[in-house]
Amino acid sequence: MERLLIQSPLVEDDGAVNHKILLSTYNLEHRIQQLASVGESPCLRIPGGQCLVISPLAFWDYDQDALGSDANILDTLSYSRNISISGIPVTPHMVLAGRGSYEPHVGGGNKFDYATYLVLTFFFPRNACWGPASEHSHWVNTVQNAVGDRGQVDAQMAEAILIALEVPNHNLIVSTALIILCPIARP
């Protein structure tokens, strides 16, 4: 998977959670989908040919009018509603990064006062460790073309990480899964 972190260039009290940046993100996601649908994008596609993407825009069902008329975006994103994309439940933790609060909230949960980044998560059918590096390059170019001169793209490479997950199982002593988080592209 690839995550695009989108930050507003303007310093505002709500960070990246305002009408202007959400509408810009809507347009960016639409441009990425258009470019990916006509090209050889390596993204995982849903029926209809678009890339599978987890997006904060799902909270408004990708409706620009609903988003534009929402008087309290933070409340909409804070709700624990049954939002899903292609059957994948979507929560604020999946689509917002750098969440915070100006005051401690009783009970915790999804309540927050700002978020620094909006997060778009695109999925790919191949593991980046073994897939061709050209697929990642093509994806980065797709994103750069979609952004154009409207913003700055800073593609970062991640180091491979090995994670061992041990889960007690009543039938077995211990179940173990090894998960390898791989770099997105090889140097």
Foldseek 3Di string as FASTA:
>chain_A
DDKDWDWDPDDDQATCQDLVNVVVVLQLLVLLQVLVQVDVAQFDADPVRGFQKQFPCQLVPSDSVSSVPDPDRQVSLQDPDQGDGPPHGDHSVQFFAQFAAPDDDPPDGSHTRHGNTTMMDTHGPDQLVPDALVNVVVSLVSSCVSCPPVDDDDDDWDAKDWDKDWDADPVDRIDIDIDIRHINHDD
